């Protein structure tokens, strides 16, 4: 309704939690807004009444709209919690449509990379199941997309043809359950900290995003995720990944920014890991994740132990060599003495 009132277009996404910043001095005029989608003006939707609310500006609503005057071949990402992720849609012959995800995978990421470069000049981080951003409607404009990675726009890639299904005779045709998706590298986790621990090296994990600190849900949170956090913050290994608000719950009004966080453990920062999308979660703060990182002293102690172990191993090797030399010398002397006795015995017999 907002996008149609402003630009005559549909909405791409509705980011929550003051994603575009807070308006601290202005009034909050609407709350519990419920539109059926057919209204021509936001004021025609149901809501609690002008100026009646139980919110603060950390909950300011945002919106992303389809372009008002798109060009043929222009693309957008739809349904994501941030502008950097969503279902891929492309404009052709006056209509927005989707792209089939046949051959569309992160293992062969040239297609996703072209999308992210066309939109943001950035690389692709991952592709998702269509369920993450919902199914599109309208035409499926592209299928069997095959980019070499050097194209400047998705429309320059090889594909079956506009609106042409590229299914082999033995395969089913594409439907909107096959709509392609992508997440691009973007300005995501702006800062990171640990809160509530007994030292700087442990605590509840909090990330700074869209002007506000929020927590991480422990769904899928493991030592791999803890490792990335400890490395980013301190350059140290992780000792453990803690669940269930071990270091206390985040503030009641604080957003839960990340859920289903998935890291390989080799990423250089948390922004490179996969997750459900900012503010997309099914958690409460009793599920806030925490970590324990190896402290500088423990790292130094470990280093000293390793050095001591290497020194002991070196001394043992020297001792073994010395003993071996002594044994060989003793054997050699014994052989010489035996030989002399045999020679002396042979001389007596001859006489």
Protein backbone atom coordinates (compact mmCIF):
# COMPACT_ATOMS: atom_id res chain seq x y z
CA UNK A 1 0.00 0.00 0.00
CA UNK A 2 2.85 2.40 0.86
CA UNK A 3 4.69 1.72 -2.41
CA UNK A 4 1.55 2.02 -4.51
CA UNK A 5 0.60 5.30 -2.82
CA UNK A 6 4.08 6.77 -3.34
CA UNK A 7 5.19 5.36 -6.70
CA UNK A 8 2.42 3.22 -8.14
CA UNK A 9 4.58 0.13 -7.70
CA UNK A 10 4.59 -2.99 -5.50
CA UNK A 11 6.76 -3.62 -2.44
CA UNK A 12 10.06 -5.53 -2.53
CA UNK A 13 10.54 -5.84 1.23
CA UNK A 14 9.52 -4.47 4.61
CA UNK A 15 12.61 -4.27 6.87
CA UNK A 16 11.89 -3.87 10.55
CA UNK A 17 13.58 -2.37 13.56
CA UNK A 18 14.67 1.03 12.23
CA UNK A 19 16.73 -0.52 9.42
CA UNK A 20 16.96 2.92 7.78
CA UNK A 21 17.61 4.70 11.07
CA UNK A 22 15.54 6.13 13.91
CA UNK A 23 13.62 9.42 13.97
CA UNK A 24 14.08 10.14 17.65
CA UNK A 25 12.36 13.55 17.77
CA UNK A 26 9.27 12.79 15.69
CA UNK A 27 5.96 11.31 16.80
CA UNK A 28 4.96 7.69 16.26
CA UNK A 29 1.57 8.15 14.63
CA UNK A 30 0.61 4.59 13.64
CA UNK A 31 0.90 1.16 15.27
CA UNK A 32 -0.59 -2.29 14.65
CA UNK A 33 -1.21 -1.34 11.02
CA UNK A 34 -3.21 -3.99 9.16
CA UNK A 35 -3.85 -3.51 5.43
CA UNK A 36 -5.58 -5.96 3.12
CA UNK A 37 -3.35 -4.78 0.26
CA UNK A 38 -6.05 -3.16 -1.84
CA UNK A 39 -6.10 0.25 -0.12
CA UNK A 40 -4.97 3.29 -2.10
CA UNK A 41 -3.80 5.17 1.01
CA UNK A 42 -2.05 3.97 4.18
CA UNK A 43 -4.54 5.94 6.26
CA UNK A 44 -7.32 3.68 4.96
CA UNK A 45 -5.78 0.61 6.62
CA UNK A 46 -6.82 -0.60 10.06
CA UNK A 47 -4.61 0.61 12.95
CA UNK A 48 -4.89 1.47 16.63
CA UNK A 49 -5.60 5.16 16.07
CA UNK A 50 -3.51 8.25 15.38
CA UNK A 51 -0.74 8.59 17.95
CA UNK A 52 -1.78 5.47 19.90
CA UNK A 53 1.11 3.00 20.23
CA UNK A 54 3.36 1.06 22.61
CA UNK A 55 6.55 1.43 20.53
CA UNK A 56 9.78 3.37 20.51
CA UNK A 57 11.78 4.50 17.49
CA UNK A 58 13.91 1.35 17.50
CA UNK A 59 10.82 -0.27 15.95
CA UNK A 60 10.36 2.23 13.11
CA UNK A 61 9.07 0.43 10.02
CA UNK A 62 10.75 0.61 6.62
CA UNK A 63 9.87 -0.33 3.08
CA UNK A 64 11.60 -1.11 -0.22
CA UNK A 65 9.65 -0.58 -3.42
CA UNK A 66 10.02 -1.75 -6.99
CA UNK A 67 11.54 0.98 -9.22
CA UNK A 68 8.97 3.38 -10.64
CA UNK A 69 10.47 3.45 -14.16
CA UNK A 70 12.49 0.24 -14.64
CA UNK A 71 14.56 -0.50 -17.72
CA UNK A 72 14.44 -3.78 -19.61
CA UNK A 73 16.84 -6.24 -17.96
CA UNK A 74 16.82 -4.41 -14.61
CA UNK A 75 16.84 -6.73 -11.59
CA UNK A 76 15.78 -6.55 -7.95
CA UNK A 77 15.96 -8.84 -4.91
CA UNK A 78 12.56 -9.41 -3.31
CA UNK A 79 11.49 -10.61 0.14
CA UNK A 80 14.78 -10.32 2.02
CA UNK A 81 15.33 -8.75 5.42
CA UNK A 82 18.01 -6.51 3.83
CA UNK A 83 18.48 -5.12 0.31
CA UNK A 84 21.34 -7.59 -0.19
CA UNK A 85 19.28 -10.79 -0.28
CA UNK A 86 16.08 -12.12 -1.79
CA UNK A 87 14.32 -13.74 -4.70
CA UNK A 88 15.78 -12.63 -8.06
CA UNK A 89 13.32 -10.80 -10.31
CA UNK A 90 14.02 -9.27 -13.71
CA UNK A 91 12.07 -6.71 -15.75
CA UNK A 92 11.21 -7.56 -19.36
CA UNK A 93 8.55 -6.32 -21.78
CA UNK A 94 6.92 -4.13 -19.15
CA UNK A 95 6.56 -6.85 -16.52
CA UNK A 96 8.52 -8.19 -13.57
CA UNK A 97 9.18 -11.94 -13.53
CA UNK A 98 11.37 -14.52 -11.85
CA UNK A 99 14.36 -16.69 -12.75
CA UNK A 100 14.27 -20.49 -12.52
CA UNK A 101 16.99 -21.95 -10.29
CA UNK A 102 17.90 -24.76 -12.67
CA UNK A 103 21.75 -24.99 -12.56
CA UNK A 104 21.66 -22.20 -9.97
CA UNK A 105 23.88 -23.18 -7.03
CA UNK A 106 26.64 -21.71 -4.89
CA UNK A 107 29.04 -24.42 -6.07
CA UNK A 108 28.68 -22.88 -9.53
CA UNK A 109 28.24 -19.29 -8.37
CA UNK A 110 28.85 -17.31 -11.58
CA UNK A 111 25.11 -16.63 -12.01
CA UNK A 112 24.71 -15.31 -8.45
CA UNK A 113 27.94 -13.32 -8.76
CA UNK A 114 26.66 -11.53 -11.87
CA UNK A 115 23.43 -10.61 -10.04
CA UNK A 116 25.31 -9.17 -7.04
CA UNK A 117 27.78 -7.29 -9.23
CA UNK A 118 24.97 -5.80 -11.36
CA UNK A 119 23.10 -4.60 -8.27
CA UNK A 120 25.86 -3.65 -5.82
CA UNK A 121 29.26 -4.18 -7.42
CA UNK A 122 29.85 -6.89 -4.82
CA UNK A 123 30.36 -10.63 -4.64
CA UNK A 124 27.79 -13.33 -3.87
CA UNK A 125 27.82 -15.06 -0.48
CA UNK A 126 25.23 -17.77 -0.99
CA UNK A 127 22.04 -18.96 -2.64
CA UNK A 128 19.01 -20.10 -0.65
CA UNK A 129 15.97 -22.29 -0.97
CA UNK A 130 13.02 -20.45 -2.50
CA UNK A 131 11.20 -20.98 0.79
CA UNK A 132 13.48 -18.36 2.39
CA UNK A 133 11.95 -15.48 0.40
CA UNK A 134 8.67 -16.85 -0.87
CA UNK A 135 7.45 -17.69 -4.35
CA UNK A 136 7.08 -15.06 -7.04
CA UNK A 137 4.16 -14.54 -9.38
CA UNK A 138 3.83 -13.65 -13.02
CA UNK A 139 6.11 -14.95 -15.76
CA UNK A 140 9.24 -17.03 -15.22
CA UNK A 141 11.38 -15.01 -17.59
CA UNK A 142 14.68 -16.93 -17.47
CA UNK A 143 15.60 -20.60 -17.23
CA UNK A 144 18.79 -22.65 -17.63
CA UNK A 145 20.88 -19.53 -16.96
CA UNK A 146 24.57 -20.10 -17.62
CA UNK A 147 26.87 -17.14 -16.89
CA UNK A 148 30.64 -17.24 -17.33
CA UNK A 149 31.04 -14.68 -14.53
CA UNK A 150 32.29 -11.78 -16.67
CA UNK A 151 28.91 -10.36 -17.69
CA UNK A 152 27.84 -6.96 -16.34
CA UNK A 153 24.16 -7.89 -16.26
CA UNK A 154 22.15 -11.09 -15.90
CA UNK A 155 20.45 -10.54 -19.26
CA UNK A 156 23.85 -10.93 -20.99
CA UNK A 157 24.20 -14.53 -19.76
CA UNK A 158 23.22 -17.54 -21.84
CA UNK A 159 19.72 -18.85 -21.07
CA UNK A 160 16.88 -20.70 -22.77
CA UNK A 161 15.17 -17.52 -24.01
CA UNK A 162 12.71 -15.01 -22.57
CA UNK A 163 9.84 -17.00 -21.07
CA UNK A 164 11.14 -20.24 -22.57
CA UNK A 165 11.28 -23.29 -20.28
CA UNK A 166 14.66 -24.96 -20.65
CA UNK A 167 13.62 -28.34 -19.25
CA UNK A 168 14.96 -31.44 -20.99
CA UNK A 169 12.21 -33.69 -22.31
CA UNK A 170 12.60 -36.02 -19.32
CA UNK A 171 12.42 -33.25 -16.68
CA UNK A 172 9.51 -31.36 -15.15
CA UNK A 173 8.95 -27.74 -16.08
CA UNK A 174 9.94 -24.86 -13.79
CA UNK A 175 7.36 -23.45 -11.38
CA UNK A 176 7.60 -20.61 -8.87
CA UNK A 177 8.74 -23.15 -6.28
CA UNK A 178 11.99 -23.10 -8.29
CA UNK A 179 12.52 -19.31 -8.18
CA UNK A 180 16.22 -18.42 -7.87
CA UNK A 181 17.55 -16.55 -4.83
CA UNK A 182 20.82 -14.98 -3.73
CA UNK A 183 22.53 -13.25 -0.82
CA UNK A 184 25.17 -10.67 -1.72
CA UNK A 185 28.03 -9.30 0.33
CA UNK A 186 26.83 -6.09 1.94
CA UNK A 187 27.25 -3.78 4.90
CA UNK A 188 25.87 -6.31 7.35
CA UNK A 189 27.46 -6.87 10.77
CA UNK A 190 28.86 -3.43 11.53
CA UNK A 191 30.35 -4.31 14.93
CA UNK A 192 30.60 -7.22 17.34
CA UNK A 193 31.00 -7.56 21.11
CA UNK A 194 30.72 -9.97 24.06
CA UNK A 195 28.56 -8.92 27.01
CA UNK A 196 28.03 -10.28 30.52
CA UNK A 197 31.10 -12.48 30.92
CA UNK A 198 33.56 -12.55 33.81
CA UNK A 199 36.34 -11.45 31.43
CA UNK A 200 36.70 -9.75 28.06
CA UNK A 201 37.09 -13.15 26.42
CA UNK A 202 33.61 -14.55 27.13
CA UNK A 203 30.02 -13.36 27.05
CA UNK A 204 26.72 -13.08 25.21
CA UNK A 205 27.28 -12.44 21.51
CA UNK A 206 25.88 -9.11 20.31
CA UNK A 207 26.07 -7.61 16.83
CA UNK A 208 25.51 -3.99 15.78
CA UNK A 209 23.24 -3.51 12.80
CA UNK A 210 21.01 -0.69 11.53
CA UNK A 211 21.99 1.53 14.43
CA UNK A 212 21.21 -0.92 17.22
CA UNK A 213 22.84 -3.71 19.21
CA UNK A 214 21.06 -7.08 19.10
CA UNK A 215 21.68 -10.72 19.96
CA UNK A 216 22.25 -14.02 18.15
CA UNK A 217 19.91 -16.99 18.62
CA UNK A 218 21.59 -20.29 19.49
CA UNK A 219 19.73 -22.31 16.78
CA UNK A 220 22.51 -24.13 14.96
CA UNK A 221 25.17 -22.26 16.96
CA UNK A 222 28.28 -24.42 17.35
CA UNK A 223 32.04 -24.24 17.86
CA UNK A 224 32.49 -23.25 14.20
CA UNK A 225 30.48 -20.04 14.73
CA UNK A 226 32.24 -19.41 18.05
CA UNK A 227 35.61 -19.83 16.32
CA UNK A 228 34.82 -17.12 13.75
CA UNK A 229 33.67 -14.73 16.51
CA UNK A 230 36.76 -15.31 18.69
CA UNK A 231 39.09 -14.95 15.71
CA UNK A 232 37.41 -11.73 14.57
CA UNK A 233 37.45 -10.17 18.03
CA UNK A 234 40.76 -11.39 19.46
CA UNK A 235 42.59 -13.55 16.92
CA UNK A 236 42.19 -16.42 19.39
CA UNK A 237 40.59 -19.89 19.24
CA UNK A 238 37.19 -20.64 20.76
CA UNK A 239 36.93 -22.78 23.86
CA UNK A 240 33.15 -23.33 23.75
CA UNK A 241 29.85 -22.22 22.23
CA UNK A 242 27.25 -21.47 24.91
CA UNK A 243 23.48 -21.65 24.50
CA UNK A 244 20.42 -20.60 26.46
CA UNK A 245 21.51 -17.18 27.74
CA UNK A 246 24.45 -18.55 29.76
CA UNK A 247 25.65 -14.95 30.14
CA UNK A 248 22.20 -13.49 30.70
CA UNK A 249 19.43 -12.49 28.34
CA UNK A 250 19.65 -9.50 26.04
CA UNK A 251 17.53 -6.43 26.77
CA UNK A 252 13.82 -7.08 26.40
CA UNK A 253 13.47 -4.55 23.57
CA UNK A 254 16.75 -5.51 21.86
CA UNK A 255 16.31 -7.19 18.48
CA UNK A 256 17.47 -10.74 17.85
CA UNK A 257 19.43 -9.93 14.73
CA UNK A 258 20.71 -13.35 13.66
CA UNK A 259 19.38 -16.91 13.72
CA UNK A 260 20.43 -20.21 12.14
CA UNK A 261 23.96 -18.87 11.84
CA UNK A 262 26.14 -21.23 9.78
CA UNK A 263 29.91 -20.77 9.56
CA UNK A 264 32.57 -23.12 8.26
CA UNK A 265 34.96 -21.90 10.93
CA UNK A 266 37.40 -20.46 8.37
CA UNK A 267 35.64 -17.15 7.68
CA UNK A 268 37.49 -13.97 8.64
CA UNK A 269 34.39 -12.23 10.00
CA UNK A 270 30.82 -13.02 10.97
CA UNK A 271 29.42 -11.17 7.94
CA UNK A 272 30.73 -13.94 5.69
CA UNK A 273 28.67 -16.64 7.45
CA UNK A 274 25.20 -17.71 6.36
CA UNK A 275 22.11 -16.93 8.44
CA UNK A 276 18.35 -16.53 8.08
CA UNK A 277 18.46 -12.76 7.50
CA UNK A 278 18.61 -9.79 9.86
CA UNK A 279 15.69 -9.87 12.28
CA UNK A 280 14.35 -13.12 10.82
CA UNK A 281 14.07 -15.61 13.67
CA UNK A 282 11.78 -17.74 15.83
CA UNK A 283 13.58 -17.17 19.14
CA UNK A 284 13.29 -15.47 22.51
CA UNK A 285 16.14 -13.93 24.48
CA UNK A 286 16.44 -17.01 26.72
CA UNK A 287 18.01 -18.57 23.60
CA UNK A 288 20.74 -15.91 23.25
CA UNK A 289 24.08 -17.46 22.21
CA UNK A 290 27.40 -16.91 23.96
CA UNK A 291 31.05 -17.88 23.52
CA UNK A 292 34.17 -18.50 25.55
CA UNK A 293 37.39 -17.57 23.77
CA UNK A 294 40.94 -18.58 24.66
CA UNK A 295 42.47 -15.69 26.65
CA UNK A 296 45.82 -14.14 25.80
CA UNK A 297 47.34 -15.77 28.90
CA UNK A 298 46.02 -19.20 27.97
CA UNK A 299 47.29 -18.69 24.44
CA UNK A 300 50.72 -17.71 25.82
CA UNK A 301 50.67 -20.69 28.21
CA UNK A 302 49.79 -23.02 25.37
CA UNK A 303 52.65 -21.59 23.31
CA UNK A 304 55.11 -22.11 26.20
CA UNK A 305 53.91 -25.69 26.68
CA UNK A 306 54.44 -26.38 22.99
CA UNK A 307 57.94 -24.90 23.14
CA UNK A 308 58.75 -26.94 26.28
CA UNK A 309 57.44 -30.07 24.62
CA UNK A 310 59.61 -29.44 21.56
CA UNK A 311 62.64 -28.83 23.82
CA UNK A 312 62.04 -32.08 25.73
CA UNK A 313 61.63 -33.95 22.48
CA UNK A 314 64.93 -32.48 21.27
CA UNK A 315 66.76 -33.49 24.47
CA UNK A 316 65.35 -37.00 24.25
CA UNK A 317 66.61 -37.31 20.71
CA UNK A 318 70.11 -36.22 21.81
CA UNK A 319 70.11 -38.73 24.67
CA UNK A 320 69.05 -41.53 22.32
CA UNK A 321 71.85 -40.66 19.90
CA UNK A 322 74.46 -40.53 22.71
CA UNK A 323 73.30 -43.88 24.13
CA UNK A 324 73.42 -45.41 20.67
CA UNK A 325 77.01 -44.18 20.17
CA UNK A 326 78.07 -45.55 23.57
CA UNK A 327 76.48 -48.93 22.84
CA UNK A 328 78.18 -49.11 19.46
CA UNK A 329 81.54 -48.18 21.05
CA UNK A 330 81.15 -50.85 23.76
CA UNK A 331 80.31 -53.47 21.16
CA UNK A 332 83.32 -52.43 19.06
CA UNK A 333 85.72 -52.65 22.07
CA UNK A 334 84.31 -56.05 22.99
CA UNK A 335 84.87 -57.32 19.48
CA UNK A 336 88.49 -56.08 19.49
CA UNK A 337 89.19 -57.76 22.83
CA UNK A 338 87.67 -61.00 21.64
CA UNK A 339 89.78 -60.90 18.51
CA UNK A 340 93.01 -60.34 20.54
CA UNK A 341 92.21 -63.26 22.82
CA UNK A 342 91.64 -65.49 19.82
CA UNK A 343 94.95 -64.36 18.32
CA UNK A 344 96.79 -64.99 21.62
CA UNK A 345 95.22 -68.45 21.93
CA UNK A 346 96.25 -69.35 18.39
CA UNK A 347 99.93 -68.36 19.15
CA UNK A 348 100.12 -70.65 22.21
CA UNK A 349 98.77 -73.62 20.27
CA UNK A 350 101.36 -73.11 17.53
CA UNK A 351 104.22 -73.07 20.00
